[in-house]
Amino acid sequence: MMYPDAIQFVEVGPRDGLQNEATLIATEAKLALIARAIAAGVRRIEVTSFVNPTKVPQMADADAVCAGLPRRDDVTYIGLVLNERGAERAIATGRINQLGAVAVATDAFAMANQGQTSDGSVDAAKAIIARARDAGLTGQATIGAAFGCPFEGEVAEDRVVAMAAALAEAGPVEVALADTIGVGNPAHVARLVARVRAAIAPLPVRVHFHNTRGTGLANVWAAVMAGASVVDGSIGGLGGCPFAPGAAGNVASEDVVYMFDRAGITTGLDLGLMIAANAWLAGVMGRKLPGMVAQAPLFPQSA
């Protein structure tokens, strides 16, 4: 089997990792988490989302987080937005480099997540990508519930492929497939990633997996072997969606880095610093985090 030489990594802990936590995390702690990710080598970070603070209280400090971001020419700060108002807020900060738009594969989840149909979410995502371009930024599109919906169950692969092709027409930097509730399996993942890759080429495929049922890392591996070149992770494995019942944490960033490092696939990240970030974040959260590598002895010992 031919392995890729490298993958690009996106840290989503400051946004997706924290958005579903019941205890509000201080802005200063979020900025410290971002700083630790940058120190470990992360160069694309979802720093916050510009959404209704009454629905997602954890992201109410989006503007304050952006104001505190270090100015780095080598780091892309991504702000997740669901509509035109969110896009304007993100652009107004002057710190966001990339707008992350979301389209959802089913009507039921699209209505719960952003108050519109699935087709409506595709149209909104395309408009956000266009708005980003008009503002001199880039745009990225994610298809939520691409592998299964908490309300409608199975999602037709043809539907996801058609959505990806439609989103690609808007000129995003990539199209991402998100397993929002962690129901994907490696065979399904490999098949869908390959189909979407063919449909949107030469745009890259990005993947976002939750580890709800313990298949997250296997799905990451299957996706990359099928041609995905961008992978999301969350330090410590935190994460969840306020609008998706049963959604659990993302794949842990340090677990993803360990797996690829051991396979000889470059991530550009410092595993030791990622593990240290896990330990620091566990202190902030007041509990052990789900990520596995940080709980295990260092291997090899000289690493």
C-alpha atoms as a PDB file:
ATOM      1  CA  MET A   1       0.000   0.000   0.000  1.00  0.00           C
ATOM      2  CA  MET A   2       1.239   3.472  -0.880  1.00  0.00           C
ATOM      3  CA  TYR A   3       1.051   5.876   2.056  1.00  0.00           C
ATOM      4  CA  PRO A   4       1.016   9.678   1.643  1.00  0.00           C
ATOM      5  CA  ASP A   5       4.136  11.491   2.796  1.00  0.00           C
ATOM      6  CA  ALA A   6       2.210  14.013   4.873  1.00  0.00           C
ATOM      7  CA  ILE A   7      -1.206  15.230   5.959  1.00  0.00           C
ATOM      8  CA  GLN A   8      -2.356  18.692   6.952  1.00  0.00           C
ATOM      9  CA  PHE A   9      -3.784  18.980  10.456  1.00  0.00           C
ATOM     10  CA  VAL A  10      -6.509  21.309  11.745  1.00  0.00           C
ATOM     11  CA  GLU A  11      -6.920  21.838  15.495  1.00  0.00           C
ATOM     12  CA  VAL A  12     -10.600  22.316  16.376  1.00  0.00           C
ATOM     13  CA  GLY A  13     -10.344  22.149  20.168  1.00  0.00           C
ATOM     14  CA  PRO A  14     -10.940  25.848  20.888  1.00  0.00           C
ATOM     15  CA  ARG A  15     -14.229  25.681  18.976  1.00  0.00           C
ATOM     16  CA  ASP A  16     -15.645  22.174  18.629  1.00  0.00           C
ATOM     17  CA  GLY A  17     -13.766  20.875  21.642  1.00  0.00           C
ATOM     18  CA  LEU A  18     -15.283  23.411  24.003  1.00  0.00           C
ATOM     19  CA  GLN A  19     -18.630  24.360  22.455  1.00  0.00           C
ATOM     20  CA  ASN A  20     -20.662  21.703  24.271  1.00  0.00           C
ATOM     21  CA  GLU A  21     -19.048  22.041  27.720  1.00  0.00           C
ATOM     22  CA  ALA A  22     -21.466  22.960  30.498  1.00  0.00           C
ATOM     23  CA  THR A  23     -18.894  24.999  32.440  1.00  0.00           C
ATOM     24  CA  LEU A  24     -17.939  28.227  30.714  1.00  0.00           C
ATOM     25  CA  ILE A  25     -14.250  28.367  29.861  1.00  0.00           C
ATOM     26  CA  ALA A  26     -12.529  31.726  30.341  1.00  0.00           C
ATOM     27  CA  THR A  27     -11.382  33.623  27.264  1.00  0.00           C
ATOM     28  CA  GLU A  28      -7.849  33.630  28.662  1.00  0.00           C
ATOM     29  CA  ALA A  29      -7.866  29.832  28.850  1.00  0.00           C
ATOM     30  CA  LYS A  30      -9.053  29.563  25.247  1.00  0.00           C
ATOM     31  CA  LEU A  31      -6.253  31.859  24.131  1.00  0.00           C
ATOM     32  CA  ALA A  32      -3.756  29.800  26.134  1.00  0.00           C
ATOM     33  CA  LEU A  33      -5.027  26.647  24.418  1.00  0.00           C
ATOM     34  CA  ILE A  34      -4.564  28.284  21.025  1.00  0.00           C
ATOM     35  CA  ALA A  35      -1.050  29.388  21.991  1.00  0.00           C
ATOM     36  CA  ARG A  36      -0.143  25.841  23.049  1.00  0.00           C
ATOM     37  CA  ALA A  37      -1.443  24.454  19.755  1.00  0.00           C
ATOM     38  CA  ILE A  38       0.641  26.956  17.803  1.00  0.00           C
ATOM     39  CA  ALA A  39       3.728  26.133  19.887  1.00  0.00           C
ATOM     40  CA  ALA A  40       3.196  22.446  19.020  1.00  0.00           C
ATOM     41  CA  GLY A  41       3.269  23.285  15.315  1.00  0.00           C
ATOM     42  CA  VAL A  42      -0.422  23.643  14.433  1.00  0.00           C
ATOM     43  CA  ARG A  43      -0.874  26.096  11.576  1.00  0.00           C
ATOM     44  CA  ARG A  44      -4.645  25.909  11.035  1.00  0.00           C
ATOM     45  CA  ILE A  45      -6.913  26.399  14.035  1.00  0.00           C
ATOM     46  CA  GLU A  46     -10.677  26.714  14.431  1.00  0.00           C
ATOM     47  CA  VAL A  47     -10.550  29.403  17.071  1.00  0.00           C
ATOM     48  CA  THR A  48     -14.255  30.085  17.642  1.00  0.00           C
ATOM     49  CA  SER A  49     -17.697  30.232  16.057  1.00  0.00           C
ATOM     50  CA  PHE A  50     -19.878  33.256  15.400  1.00  0.00           C
ATOM     51  CA  VAL A  51     -23.253  31.891  16.422  1.00  0.00           C
ATOM     52  CA  ASN A  52     -26.173  32.874  18.641  1.00  0.00           C
ATOM     53  CA  PRO A  53     -24.731  33.063  22.190  1.00  0.00           C
ATOM     54  CA  THR A  54     -28.051  32.059  23.729  1.00  0.00           C
ATOM     55  CA  LYS A  55     -27.845  28.751  21.849  1.00  0.00           C
ATOM     56  CA  VAL A  56     -24.096  28.180  22.236  1.00  0.00           C
ATOM     57  CA  PRO A  57     -23.059  30.132  25.370  1.00  0.00           C
ATOM     58  CA  GLN A  58     -19.529  28.756  25.279  1.00  0.00           C
ATOM     59  CA  MET A  59     -18.863  30.777  22.106  1.00  0.00           C
ATOM     60  CA  ALA A  60     -20.290  34.062  23.416  1.00  0.00           C
ATOM     61  CA  ASP A  61     -16.770  35.506  23.690  1.00  0.00           C
ATOM     62  CA  ALA A  62     -15.917  35.044  20.009  1.00  0.00           C
ATOM     63  CA  ASP A  63     -14.981  38.682  19.505  1.00  0.00           C
ATOM     64  CA  ALA A  64     -12.826  38.728  22.639  1.00  0.00           C
ATOM     65  CA  VAL A  65     -11.028  35.554  21.592  1.00  0.00           C
ATOM     66  CA  CYS A  66     -10.254  37.057  18.196  1.00  0.00           C
ATOM     67  CA  ALA A  67      -9.020  40.301  19.763  1.00  0.00           C
ATOM     68  CA  GLY A  68      -6.503  38.286  21.779  1.00  0.00           C
ATOM     69  CA  LEU A  69      -5.126  36.166  18.946  1.00  0.00           C
ATOM     70  CA  PRO A  70      -1.418  36.595  18.269  1.00  0.00           C
ATOM     71  CA  ARG A  71      -0.685  38.093  14.881  1.00  0.00           C
ATOM     72  CA  ARG A  72       0.967  35.317  12.894  1.00  0.00           C
ATOM     73  CA  ASP A  73       1.505  35.316   9.156  1.00  0.00           C
ATOM     74  CA  ASP A  74       2.079  31.557   9.270  1.00  0.00           C
ATOM     75  CA  VAL A  75      -1.160  30.597  11.064  1.00  0.00           C
ATOM     76  CA  THR A  76      -4.655  30.413   9.562  1.00  0.00           C
ATOM     77  CA  TYR A  77      -7.370  31.278  12.055  1.00  0.00           C
ATOM     78  CA  ILE A  78     -10.718  29.750  11.106  1.00  0.00           C
ATOM     79  CA  GLY A  79     -14.037  31.130  12.346  1.00  0.00           C
ATOM     80  CA  LEU A  80     -17.084  28.907  11.939  1.00  0.00           C
ATOM     81  CA  VAL A  81     -20.151  30.773  10.699  1.00  0.00           C
ATOM     82  CA  LEU A  82     -23.635  29.589   9.786  1.00  0.00           C
ATOM     83  CA  ASN A  83     -25.115  32.645   8.092  1.00  0.00           C
ATOM     84  CA  GLU A  84     -24.416  36.080   6.645  1.00  0.00           C
ATOM     85  CA  ARG A  85     -24.581  37.791  10.025  1.00  0.00           C
ATOM     86  CA  GLY A  86     -21.995  35.422  11.450  1.00  0.00           C
ATOM     87  CA  ALA A  87     -19.799  36.000   8.424  1.00  0.00           C
ATOM     88  CA  GLU A  88     -19.925  39.761   8.886  1.00  0.00           C
ATOM     89  CA  ARG A  89     -19.046  39.421  12.571  1.00  0.00           C
ATOM     90  CA  ALA A  90     -16.068  37.205  11.754  1.00  0.00           C
ATOM     91  CA  ILE A  91     -14.811  39.541   9.031  1.00  0.00           C
ATOM     92  CA  ALA A  92     -15.190  42.576  11.312  1.00  0.00           C
ATOM     93  CA  THR A  93     -12.747  41.136  13.851  1.00  0.00           C
ATOM     94  CA  GLY A  94      -9.884  41.649  11.419  1.00  0.00           C
ATOM     95  CA  ARG A  95      -8.225  38.507  12.796  1.00  0.00           C
ATOM     96  CA  ILE A  96     -10.067  35.650  11.076  1.00  0.00           C
ATOM     97  CA  ASN A  97      -8.344  34.394   7.929  1.00  0.00           C
ATOM     98  CA  GLN A  98     -10.858  31.781   6.843  1.00  0.00           C
ATOM     99  CA  LEU A  99     -14.614  31.396   7.176  1.00  0.00           C
ATOM    100  CA  GLY A 100     -15.798  27.880   7.896  1.00  0.00           C
ATOM    101  CA  ALA A 101     -19.264  27.288   6.455  1.00  0.00           C
ATOM    102  CA  VAL A 102     -21.492  24.340   7.325  1.00  0.00           C
ATOM    103  CA  ALA A 103     -24.000  22.481   5.174  1.00  0.00           C
ATOM    104  CA  VAL A 104     -25.950  19.604   6.692  1.00  0.00           C
ATOM    105  CA  ALA A 105     -26.856  16.383   4.890  1.00  0.00           C
ATOM    106  CA  THR A 106     -30.398  16.026   6.275  1.00  0.00           C
ATOM    107  CA  ASP A 107     -33.332  18.379   6.708  1.00  0.00           C
ATOM    108  CA  ALA A 108     -34.007  17.393  10.319  1.00  0.00           C
ATOM    109  CA  PHE A 109     -30.483  18.080  11.529  1.00  0.00           C
ATOM    110  CA  ALA A 110     -30.153  21.194   9.362  1.00  0.00           C
ATOM    111  CA  MET A 111     -33.266  22.599  11.012  1.00  0.00           C
ATOM    112  CA  ALA A 112     -31.952  21.766  14.493  1.00  0.00           C
ATOM    113  CA  ASN A 113     -28.464  23.068  13.790  1.00  0.00           C
ATOM    114  CA  GLN A 114     -29.178  26.244  11.842  1.00  0.00           C
ATOM    115  CA  GLY A 115     -32.900  26.608  11.227  1.00  0.00           C
ATOM    116  CA  GLN A 116     -32.972  25.790   7.524  1.00  0.00           C
ATOM    117  CA  THR A 117     -33.355  22.862   5.159  1.00  0.00           C
ATOM    118  CA  SER A 118     -30.428  20.846   3.874  1.00  0.00           C
ATOM    119  CA  ASP A 119     -30.651  22.545   0.479  1.00  0.00           C
ATOM    120  CA  GLY A 120     -30.906  25.894   2.247  1.00  0.00           C
ATOM    121  CA  SER A 121     -27.723  25.125   4.173  1.00  0.00           C
ATOM    122  CA  VAL A 122     -25.867  24.447   0.909  1.00  0.00           C
ATOM    123  CA  ASP A 123     -27.015  27.783  -0.501  1.00  0.00           C
ATOM    124  CA  ALA A 124     -25.994  29.567   2.715  1.00  0.00           C
ATOM    125  CA  ALA A 125     -22.577  27.899   2.711  1.00  0.00           C
ATOM    126  CA  LYS A 126     -21.949  28.932  -0.886  1.00  0.00           C
ATOM    127  CA  ALA A 127     -22.905  32.513  -0.022  1.00  0.00           C
ATOM    128  CA  ILE A 128     -20.510  32.499   2.949  1.00  0.00           C
ATOM    129  CA  ILE A 129     -17.651  31.281   0.755  1.00  0.00           C
ATOM    130  CA  ALA A 130     -18.401  34.061  -1.730  1.00  0.00           C
ATOM    131  CA  ARG A 131     -18.532  36.630   1.088  1.00  0.00           C
ATOM    132  CA  ALA A 132     -15.166  35.442   2.367  1.00  0.00           C
ATOM    133  CA  ARG A 133     -13.651  35.871  -1.069  1.00  0.00           C
ATOM    134  CA  ASP A 134     -15.129  39.380  -1.389  1.00  0.00           C
ATOM    135  CA  ALA A 135     -13.499  40.283   1.945  1.00  0.00           C
ATOM    136  CA  GLY A 136     -10.098  39.020   0.850  1.00  0.00           C
ATOM    137  CA  LEU A 137     -10.341  35.866   2.971  1.00  0.00           C
ATOM    138  CA  THR A 138     -10.725  32.204   2.086  1.00  0.00           C
ATOM    139  CA  GLY A 139     -13.709  29.961   2.716  1.00  0.00           C
ATOM    140  CA  GLN A 140     -14.064  26.324   3.679  1.00  0.00           C
ATOM    141  CA  ALA A 141     -17.166  24.119   3.638  1.00  0.00           C
ATOM    142  CA  THR A 142     -18.047  21.197   5.924  1.00  0.00           C
ATOM    143  CA  ILE A 143     -20.872  18.720   5.345  1.00  0.00           C
ATOM    144  CA  GLY A 144     -22.309  17.852   8.738  1.00  0.00           C
ATOM    145  CA  ALA A 145     -23.895  14.467   9.469  1.00  0.00           C
ATOM    146  CA  ALA A 146     -22.209  13.107   6.344  1.00  0.00           C
ATOM    147  CA  PHE A 147     -22.100   9.565   7.722  1.00  0.00           C
ATOM    148  CA  GLY A 148     -25.342   9.486   9.684  1.00  0.00           C
ATOM    149  CA  CYS A 149     -27.968  11.750  11.250  1.00  0.00           C
ATOM    150  CA  PRO A 150     -29.185  11.746  14.867  1.00  0.00           C
ATOM    151  CA  PHE A 151     -32.757  12.284  13.661  1.00  0.00           C
ATOM    152  CA  GLU A 152     -33.077  10.637  10.233  1.00  0.00           C
ATOM    153  CA  GLY A 153     -30.580   7.803  10.609  1.00  0.00           C
ATOM    154  CA  GLU A 154     -28.741   6.615   7.484  1.00  0.00           C
ATOM    155  CA  VAL A 155     -27.642   9.250   4.970  1.00  0.00           C
ATOM    156  CA  ALA A 156     -27.440   8.349   1.276  1.00  0.00           C
ATOM    157  CA  GLU A 157     -23.929   8.574  -0.120  1.00  0.00           C
ATOM    158  CA  ASP A 158     -25.298  10.027  -3.341  1.00  0.00           C
ATOM    159  CA  ARG A 159     -26.729  12.937  -1.343  1.00  0.00           C
ATOM    160  CA  VAL A 160     -23.362  13.746   0.232  1.00  0.00           C
ATOM    161  CA  VAL A 161     -21.506  13.490  -3.078  1.00  0.00           C
ATOM    162  CA  ALA A 162     -24.020  15.816  -4.741  1.00  0.00           C
ATOM    163  CA  MET A 163     -23.672  18.319  -1.888  1.00  0.00           C
ATOM    164  CA  ALA A 164     -19.885  18.214  -2.127  1.00  0.00           C
ATOM    165  CA  ALA A 165     -20.008  18.882  -5.869  1.00  0.00           C
ATOM    166  CA  ALA A 166     -22.387  21.808  -5.350  1.00  0.00           C
ATOM    167  CA  LEU A 167     -20.203  23.310  -2.614  1.00  0.00           C
ATOM    168  CA  ALA A 168     -17.083  22.904  -4.744  1.00  0.00           C
ATOM    169  CA  GLU A 169     -18.642  25.198  -7.342  1.00  0.00           C
ATOM    170  CA  ALA A 170     -18.338  28.074  -4.855  1.00  0.00           C
ATOM    171  CA  GLY A 171     -14.544  27.776  -4.752  1.00  0.00           C
ATOM    172  CA  PRO A 172     -13.735  26.786  -1.156  1.00  0.00           C
ATOM    173  CA  VAL A 173     -10.206  25.754  -0.204  1.00  0.00           C
ATOM    174  CA  GLU A 174     -11.583  22.272   0.563  1.00  0.00           C
ATOM    175  CA  VAL A 175     -14.744  20.331   1.342  1.00  0.00           C
ATOM    176  CA  ALA A 176     -14.886  18.485   4.664  1.00  0.00           C
ATOM    177  CA  LEU A 177     -16.923  15.445   5.621  1.00  0.00           C
ATOM    178  CA  ALA A 178     -17.979  15.444   9.279  1.00  0.00           C
ATOM    179  CA  ASP A 179     -19.091  12.390  11.216  1.00  0.00           C
ATOM    180  CA  THR A 180     -20.996  14.570  13.657  1.00  0.00           C
ATOM    181  CA  ILE A 181     -22.330  11.752  15.822  1.00  0.00           C
ATOM    182  CA  GLY A 182     -19.550   9.200  15.366  1.00  0.00           C
ATOM    183  CA  VAL A 183     -21.403   6.490  13.479  1.00  0.00           C
ATOM    184  CA  GLY A 184     -18.979   6.023  10.587  1.00  0.00           C
ATOM    185  CA  ASN A 185     -17.054   2.829   9.955  1.00  0.00           C
ATOM    186  CA  PRO A 186     -13.827   2.467   7.947  1.00  0.00           C
ATOM    187  CA  ALA A 187     -15.435   0.795   4.940  1.00  0.00           C
ATOM    188  CA  HIS A 188     -18.118   3.476   4.633  1.00  0.00           C
ATOM    189  CA  VAL A 189     -15.527   6.208   5.203  1.00  0.00           C
ATOM    190  CA  ALA A 190     -13.136   4.912   2.548  1.00  0.00           C
ATOM    191  CA  ARG A 191     -15.922   4.565   0.001  1.00  0.00           C
ATOM    192  CA  LEU A 192     -17.440   8.021   0.598  1.00  0.00           C
ATOM    193  CA  VAL A 193     -14.111   9.854   0.756  1.00  0.00           C
ATOM    194  CA  ALA A 194     -13.047   8.277  -2.545  1.00  0.00           C
ATOM    195  CA  ARG A 195     -16.316   9.279  -4.201  1.00  0.00           C
ATOM    196  CA  VAL A 196     -16.203  12.838  -2.905  1.00  0.00           C
ATOM    197  CA  ARG A 197     -12.544  13.186  -3.848  1.00  0.00           C
ATOM    198  CA  ALA A 198     -13.396  12.198  -7.418  1.00  0.00           C
ATOM    199  CA  ALA A 199     -16.348  14.590  -7.488  1.00  0.00           C
ATOM    200  CA  ILE A 200     -14.488  17.692  -6.299  1.00  0.00           C
ATOM    201  CA  ALA A 201     -10.958  17.162  -7.663  1.00  0.00           C
ATOM    202  CA  PRO A 202      -8.597  18.954  -7.520  1.00  0.00           C
ATOM    203  CA  LEU A 203      -9.995  20.381  -4.266  1.00  0.00           C
ATOM    204  CA  PRO A 204      -8.774  18.547  -1.142  1.00  0.00           C
ATOM    205  CA  VAL A 205     -11.043  16.438   1.071  1.00  0.00           C
ATOM    206  CA  ARG A 206     -10.898  17.222   4.784  1.00  0.00           C
ATOM    207  CA  VAL A 207     -12.337  14.882   7.438  1.00  0.00           C
ATOM    208  CA  HIS A 208     -13.735  15.451  10.906  1.00  0.00           C
ATOM    209  CA  PHE A 209     -14.453  12.427  13.080  1.00  0.00           C
ATOM    210  CA  HIS A 210     -16.035  11.985  16.477  1.00  0.00           C
ATOM    211  CA  ASN A 211     -15.029   8.976  18.541  1.00  0.00           C
ATOM    212  CA  THR A 212     -18.490   8.305  19.961  1.00  0.00           C
ATOM    213  CA  ARG A 213     -18.319   4.574  19.241  1.00  0.00           C
ATOM    214  CA  GLY A 214     -14.568   4.061  19.342  1.00  0.00           C
ATOM    215  CA  THR A 215     -14.042   4.047  15.567  1.00  0.00           C
ATOM    216  CA  GLY A 216     -12.599   7.544  15.225  1.00  0.00           C
ATOM    217  CA  LEU A 217      -8.926   6.732  14.613  1.00  0.00           C
ATOM    218  CA  ALA A 218      -9.766   3.814  12.321  1.00  0.00           C
ATOM    219  CA  ASN A 219     -11.936   6.193  10.329  1.00  0.00           C
ATOM    220  CA  VAL A 220      -9.153   8.789  10.147  1.00  0.00           C
ATOM    221  CA  TRP A 221      -6.777   6.161   8.775  1.00  0.00           C
ATOM    222  CA  ALA A 222      -9.322   4.861   6.254  1.00  0.00           C
ATOM    223  CA  ALA A 223     -10.058   8.397   5.084  1.00  0.00           C
ATOM    224  CA  VAL A 224      -6.408   9.271   4.503  1.00  0.00           C
ATOM    225  CA  MET A 225      -5.757   5.992   2.699  1.00  0.00           C
ATOM    226  CA  ALA A 226      -8.728   6.849   0.452  1.00  0.00           C
ATOM    227  CA  GLY A 227      -7.282  10.244  -0.408  1.00  0.00           C
ATOM    228  CA  ALA A 228      -8.284  12.724   2.299  1.00  0.00           C
ATOM    229  CA  SER A 229      -5.381  15.075   2.924  1.00  0.00           C
ATOM    230  CA  VAL A 230      -6.642  17.273   5.776  1.00  0.00           C
ATOM    231  CA  VAL A 231      -7.584  15.888   9.207  1.00  0.00           C
ATOM    232  CA  ASP A 232      -9.275  17.547  12.183  1.00  0.00           C
ATOM    233  CA  GLY A 233      -8.528  16.774  15.803  1.00  0.00           C
ATOM    234  CA  SER A 234      -9.196  18.228  19.235  1.00  0.00           C
ATOM    235  CA  ILE A 235      -6.584  18.333  21.987  1.00  0.00           C
ATOM    236  CA  GLY A 236      -7.535  15.790  24.614  1.00  0.00           C
ATOM    237  CA  GLY A 237     -10.416  14.438  22.548  1.00  0.00           C
ATOM    238  CA  LEU A 238     -12.980  16.950  23.778  1.00  0.00           C
ATOM    239  CA  GLY A 239     -15.978  17.826  21.659  1.00  0.00           C
ATOM    240  CA  GLY A 240     -19.639  17.505  20.932  1.00  0.00           C
ATOM    241  CA  CYS A 241     -22.520  19.293  19.257  1.00  0.00           C
ATOM    242  CA  PRO A 242     -25.295  21.078  21.198  1.00  0.00           C
ATOM    243  CA  PHE A 243     -27.794  20.156  18.479  1.00  0.00           C
ATOM    244  CA  ALA A 244     -26.848  16.495  17.944  1.00  0.00           C
ATOM    245  CA  PRO A 245     -28.084  14.168  20.698  1.00  0.00           C
ATOM    246  CA  GLY A 246     -25.457  11.593  21.638  1.00  0.00           C
ATOM    247  CA  ALA A 247     -22.512  13.304  19.953  1.00  0.00           C
ATOM    248  CA  ALA A 248     -19.294  12.733  21.897  1.00  0.00           C
ATOM    249  CA  GLY A 249     -15.717  13.938  21.609  1.00  0.00           C
ATOM    250  CA  ASN A 250     -13.565  14.415  18.559  1.00  0.00           C
ATOM    251  CA  VAL A 251     -10.594  12.225  17.825  1.00  0.00           C
ATOM    252  CA  ALA A 252      -7.787  13.427  20.098  1.00  0.00           C
ATOM    253  CA  SER A 253      -5.155  15.499  18.322  1.00  0.00           C
ATOM    254  CA  GLU A 254      -2.290  13.775  20.095  1.00  0.00           C
ATOM    255  CA  ASP A 255      -3.693  10.333  19.195  1.00  0.00           C
ATOM    256  CA  VAL A 256      -3.872  11.321  15.527  1.00  0.00           C
ATOM    257  CA  VAL A 257      -0.316  12.689  15.613  1.00  0.00           C
ATOM    258  CA  TYR A 258       1.020   9.542  17.301  1.00  0.00           C
ATOM    259  CA  MET A 259      -0.649   7.269  14.740  1.00  0.00           C
ATOM    260  CA  PHE A 260       0.694   9.145  11.737  1.00  0.00           C
ATOM    261  CA  ASP A 261       4.132   9.735  13.220  1.00  0.00           C
ATOM    262  CA  ARG A 262       4.538   5.995  13.854  1.00  0.00           C
ATOM    263  CA  ALA A 263       3.444   5.312  10.275  1.00  0.00           C
ATOM    264  CA  GLY A 264       6.012   7.723   8.863  1.00  0.00           C
ATOM    265  CA  ILE A 265       3.387  10.210   7.691  1.00  0.00           C
ATOM    266  CA  THR A 266       4.399  13.765   8.519  1.00  0.00           C
ATOM    267  CA  THR A 267       2.051  16.016  10.494  1.00  0.00           C
ATOM    268  CA  GLY A 268       4.510  18.773  11.338  1.00  0.00           C
ATOM    269  CA  LEU A 269       3.446  18.630  14.995  1.00  0.00           C
ATOM    270  CA  ASP A 270       5.425  18.016  18.171  1.00  0.00           C
ATOM    271  CA  LEU A 271       3.834  15.045  19.949  1.00  0.00           C
ATOM    272  CA  GLY A 272       5.444  15.878  23.280  1.00  0.00           C
ATOM    273  CA  LEU A 273       3.983  19.372  23.252  1.00  0.00           C
ATOM    274  CA  MET A 274       0.574  18.018  22.240  1.00  0.00           C
ATOM    275  CA  ILE A 275       0.648  15.611  25.193  1.00  0.00           C
ATOM    276  CA  ALA A 276       1.663  18.490  27.452  1.00  0.00           C
ATOM    277  CA  ALA A 277      -1.273  20.500  26.119  1.00  0.00           C
ATOM    278  CA  ASN A 278      -3.571  17.604  27.032  1.00  0.00           C
ATOM    279  CA  ALA A 279      -2.244  17.635  30.607  1.00  0.00           C
ATOM    280  CA  TRP A 280      -2.673  21.395  30.866  1.00  0.00           C
ATOM    281  CA  LEU A 281      -6.216  21.289  29.443  1.00  0.00           C
ATOM    282  CA  ALA A 282      -7.172  18.492  31.835  1.00  0.00           C
ATOM    283  CA  GLY A 283      -6.262  20.870  34.647  1.00  0.00           C
ATOM    284  CA  VAL A 284      -8.441  23.590  33.170  1.00  0.00           C
ATOM    285  CA  MET A 285     -11.374  21.208  32.750  1.00  0.00           C
ATOM    286  CA  GLY A 286     -10.851  19.568  36.150  1.00  0.00           C
ATOM    287  CA  ARG A 287     -10.983  16.017  34.804  1.00  0.00           C
ATOM    288  CA  LYS A 288      -9.080  13.432  32.804  1.00  0.00           C
ATOM    289  CA  LEU A 289      -9.601  13.869  29.083  1.00  0.00           C
ATOM    290  CA  PRO A 290     -10.603  11.076  26.683  1.00  0.00           C
ATOM    291  CA  GLY A 291      -7.417  11.044  24.576  1.00  0.00           C
ATOM    292  CA  MET A 292      -5.496   7.787  24.979  1.00  0.00           C
ATOM    293  CA  VAL A 293      -1.881   8.540  24.054  1.00  0.00           C
ATOM    294  CA  ALA A 294      -1.520  11.057  26.880  1.00  0.00           C
ATOM    295  CA  GLN A 295      -2.612   8.359  29.363  1.00  0.00           C
ATOM    296  CA  ALA A 296      -0.040   5.828  28.165  1.00  0.00           C
ATOM    297  CA  PRO A 297       3.718   5.605  28.835  1.00  0.00           C
ATOM    298  CA  LEU A 298       5.894   7.390  26.302  1.00  0.00           C
ATOM    299  CA  PHE A 299       6.889   5.134  23.401  1.00  0.00           C
ATOM    300  CA  PRO A 300       9.568   4.874  22.318  1.00  0.00           C
ATOM    301  CA  GLN A 301      11.221   6.092  25.495  1.00  0.00           C
ATOM    302  CA  SER A 302      13.678   8.258  23.590  1.00  0.00           C
ATOM    303  CA  ALA A 303      10.917  10.183  21.816  1.00  0.00           C
END
